[in-house]
């Protein structure tokens, strides 16, 4: 009989231990402390989790034209080609260079062939969101206009 009581007591102690609330961060962030943007607590980043290679297009605002049609091709070998067409004018140009991922794997920095920083983009699922020269979110009414969408090939 004592053996049964000891066994039941052991089971109860183990069960109570399993119900303990775990406050460490290994199970993800607490509600209200969720990571912003594309940070995922399990180590996934835009760089290692998304199919980021491909061609992205969109139209950026322009102070003295109808808009700037942008076409950006990102290659797996970390090269890029970016084309700009100033709508309503005959102006256009193309630039190419290398892309580098930020340390956190969330953004890419485009460097022209002369090694000058050209642009910074936050990389999301099938989209690129342009950032300012410091990697910060563009603010103001036109902020939402600085987004490129990935073209999807339909076979």
Protein backbone atom coordinates (compact mmCIF):
# COMPACT_ATOMS: atom_id res chain seq x y z
CA UNK A 1 0.00 0.00 0.00
CA UNK A 2 2.84 2.40 0.87
CA UNK A 3 4.39 1.74 -2.54
CA UNK A 4 1.16 2.80 -4.26
CA UNK A 5 0.95 6.00 -2.19
CA UNK A 6 4.59 6.82 -2.95
CA UNK A 7 4.01 6.16 -6.66
CA UNK A 8 0.89 8.37 -6.75
CA UNK A 9 2.75 11.12 -4.88
CA UNK A 10 5.62 10.94 -7.37
CA UNK A 11 3.19 11.21 -10.31
CA UNK A 12 1.51 14.25 -8.71
CA UNK A 13 4.84 16.02 -8.10
CA UNK A 14 5.90 15.41 -11.71
CA UNK A 15 2.54 16.65 -12.98
CA UNK A 16 2.78 19.85 -10.95
CA UNK A 17 6.27 20.49 -12.30
CA UNK A 18 4.99 20.18 -15.86
CA UNK A 19 2.33 22.84 -15.18
CA UNK A 20 4.89 25.42 -14.08
CA UNK A 21 4.63 28.70 -15.98
CA UNK A 22 7.73 29.29 -18.03
CA UNK A 23 8.66 32.97 -18.29
CA UNK A 24 11.78 32.57 -20.38
CA UNK A 25 11.81 33.71 -23.99
CA UNK A 26 12.48 30.29 -25.51
CA UNK A 27 8.78 29.90 -26.27
CA UNK A 28 8.49 33.21 -28.10
CA UNK A 29 7.75 36.75 -27.04
CA UNK A 30 5.14 37.71 -24.52
CA UNK A 31 2.01 39.34 -25.94
CA UNK A 32 2.71 43.05 -26.33
CA UNK A 33 6.43 42.34 -26.76
CA UNK A 34 6.15 40.81 -30.17
CA UNK A 35 8.97 41.59 -32.57
CA UNK A 36 8.26 44.20 -35.18
CA UNK A 37 8.69 43.88 -38.93
CA UNK A 38 10.17 40.62 -40.09
CA UNK A 39 11.97 39.53 -36.93
CA UNK A 40 11.07 36.00 -36.01
CA UNK A 41 12.27 34.74 -32.61
CA UNK A 42 13.37 31.33 -33.88
CA UNK A 43 16.26 32.67 -35.99
CA UNK A 44 14.45 32.97 -39.30
CA UNK A 45 15.17 36.14 -41.26
CA UNK A 46 14.21 37.55 -44.63
CA UNK A 47 17.60 36.44 -45.91
CA UNK A 48 17.32 32.79 -44.90
CA UNK A 49 13.56 32.25 -45.05
CA UNK A 50 12.22 34.12 -48.08
CA UNK A 51 12.56 33.54 -51.80
CA UNK A 52 14.00 37.03 -52.25
CA UNK A 53 15.68 36.61 -55.65
CA UNK A 54 13.70 37.98 -58.58
CA UNK A 55 12.38 41.12 -60.21
CA UNK A 56 10.50 43.79 -58.26
CA UNK A 57 8.58 46.70 -59.77
CA UNK A 58 6.73 49.77 -58.62
CA UNK A 59 6.39 53.51 -59.05
CA UNK A 60 8.04 55.90 -56.62
CA UNK A 61 6.93 59.51 -56.14
CA UNK A 62 8.76 62.21 -58.10
CA UNK A 63 8.94 65.93 -57.32
CA UNK A 64 9.14 67.09 -60.95
CA UNK A 65 7.59 64.25 -62.98
CA UNK A 66 4.58 61.93 -62.93
CA UNK A 67 6.48 59.25 -61.01
CA UNK A 68 9.55 57.05 -61.27
CA UNK A 69 8.88 53.57 -62.62
CA UNK A 70 11.41 51.31 -60.88
CA UNK A 71 12.43 47.81 -61.90
CA UNK A 72 14.89 46.06 -59.59
CA UNK A 73 16.31 42.62 -60.29
CA UNK A 74 18.01 40.83 -57.39
CA UNK A 75 20.20 37.88 -58.28
CA UNK A 76 21.20 34.96 -56.08
CA UNK A 77 24.88 35.81 -56.70
CA UNK A 78 24.23 39.11 -54.84
CA UNK A 79 24.34 41.27 -57.98
CA UNK A 80 21.52 43.63 -58.87
CA UNK A 81 20.32 45.71 -61.81
CA UNK A 82 17.98 48.65 -61.21
CA UNK A 83 16.20 50.62 -63.93
CA UNK A 84 14.56 54.01 -63.44
CA UNK A 85 12.11 55.55 -65.93
CA UNK A 86 10.96 59.10 -65.14
CA UNK A 87 7.34 59.09 -66.31
CA UNK A 88 6.24 61.97 -68.53
CA UNK A 89 9.86 62.68 -69.51
CA UNK A 90 12.46 61.07 -71.71
CA UNK A 91 14.80 60.54 -68.77
CA UNK A 92 15.78 57.06 -67.67
CA UNK A 93 18.87 55.32 -66.40
CA UNK A 94 20.13 51.97 -65.26
CA UNK A 95 22.48 51.11 -62.44
CA UNK A 96 24.05 47.85 -61.38
CA UNK A 97 26.14 46.66 -58.51
CA UNK A 98 26.26 44.37 -55.49
CA UNK A 99 23.80 43.86 -52.67
CA UNK A 100 24.76 43.17 -49.09
CA UNK A 101 22.50 41.91 -46.32
CA UNK A 102 22.40 43.73 -43.01
CA UNK A 103 23.70 41.78 -40.03
CA UNK A 104 20.16 40.96 -38.84
CA UNK A 105 19.19 39.54 -42.26
CA UNK A 106 16.17 41.84 -42.64
CA UNK A 107 17.40 44.46 -45.09
CA UNK A 108 19.56 44.73 -48.17
CA UNK A 109 21.90 47.56 -49.08
CA UNK A 110 22.53 48.21 -52.75
CA UNK A 111 26.03 49.38 -53.65
CA UNK A 112 26.71 50.76 -57.12
CA UNK A 113 29.74 49.50 -59.05
CA UNK A 114 31.72 52.46 -57.70
CA UNK A 115 30.97 51.14 -54.17
CA UNK A 116 28.69 54.07 -53.26
CA UNK A 117 25.57 53.17 -51.28
CA UNK A 118 22.56 53.51 -53.57
CA UNK A 119 19.53 52.28 -51.61
CA UNK A 120 18.38 50.30 -48.59
CA UNK A 121 15.30 48.07 -48.63
CA UNK A 122 13.48 46.08 -45.97
CA UNK A 123 12.82 42.65 -47.50
CA UNK A 124 9.36 41.20 -46.99
CA UNK A 125 7.31 38.41 -48.50
CA UNK A 126 7.26 39.29 -52.23
CA UNK A 127 7.99 42.96 -51.57
CA UNK A 128 10.75 45.44 -50.89
CA UNK A 129 10.13 48.55 -48.80
CA UNK A 130 12.54 51.40 -49.39
CA UNK A 131 14.27 52.85 -46.32
CA UNK A 132 16.11 56.12 -45.85
CA UNK A 133 19.91 56.35 -45.98
CA UNK A 134 20.15 55.23 -42.35
CA UNK A 135 17.90 52.20 -42.82
CA UNK A 136 14.99 53.89 -41.03
CA UNK A 137 11.38 53.82 -42.18
CA UNK A 138 10.45 56.65 -44.52
CA UNK A 139 7.91 58.86 -42.79
CA UNK A 140 5.12 61.11 -44.00
CA UNK A 141 2.13 60.87 -46.28
CA UNK A 142 4.08 59.37 -49.19
CA UNK A 143 5.84 56.68 -47.14
CA UNK A 144 3.54 53.93 -48.44
CA UNK A 145 4.49 54.82 -52.03
CA UNK A 146 8.04 53.47 -51.63
CA UNK A 147 7.26 49.80 -52.08
CA UNK A 148 8.27 47.40 -54.85
CA UNK A 149 6.31 44.21 -55.53
CA UNK A 150 7.83 40.99 -56.79
CA UNK A 151 6.72 39.91 -60.21
CA UNK A 152 5.47 36.35 -60.20
CA UNK A 153 6.06 34.23 -63.27
CA UNK A 154 3.07 32.18 -64.32
CA UNK A 155 3.98 29.12 -66.33
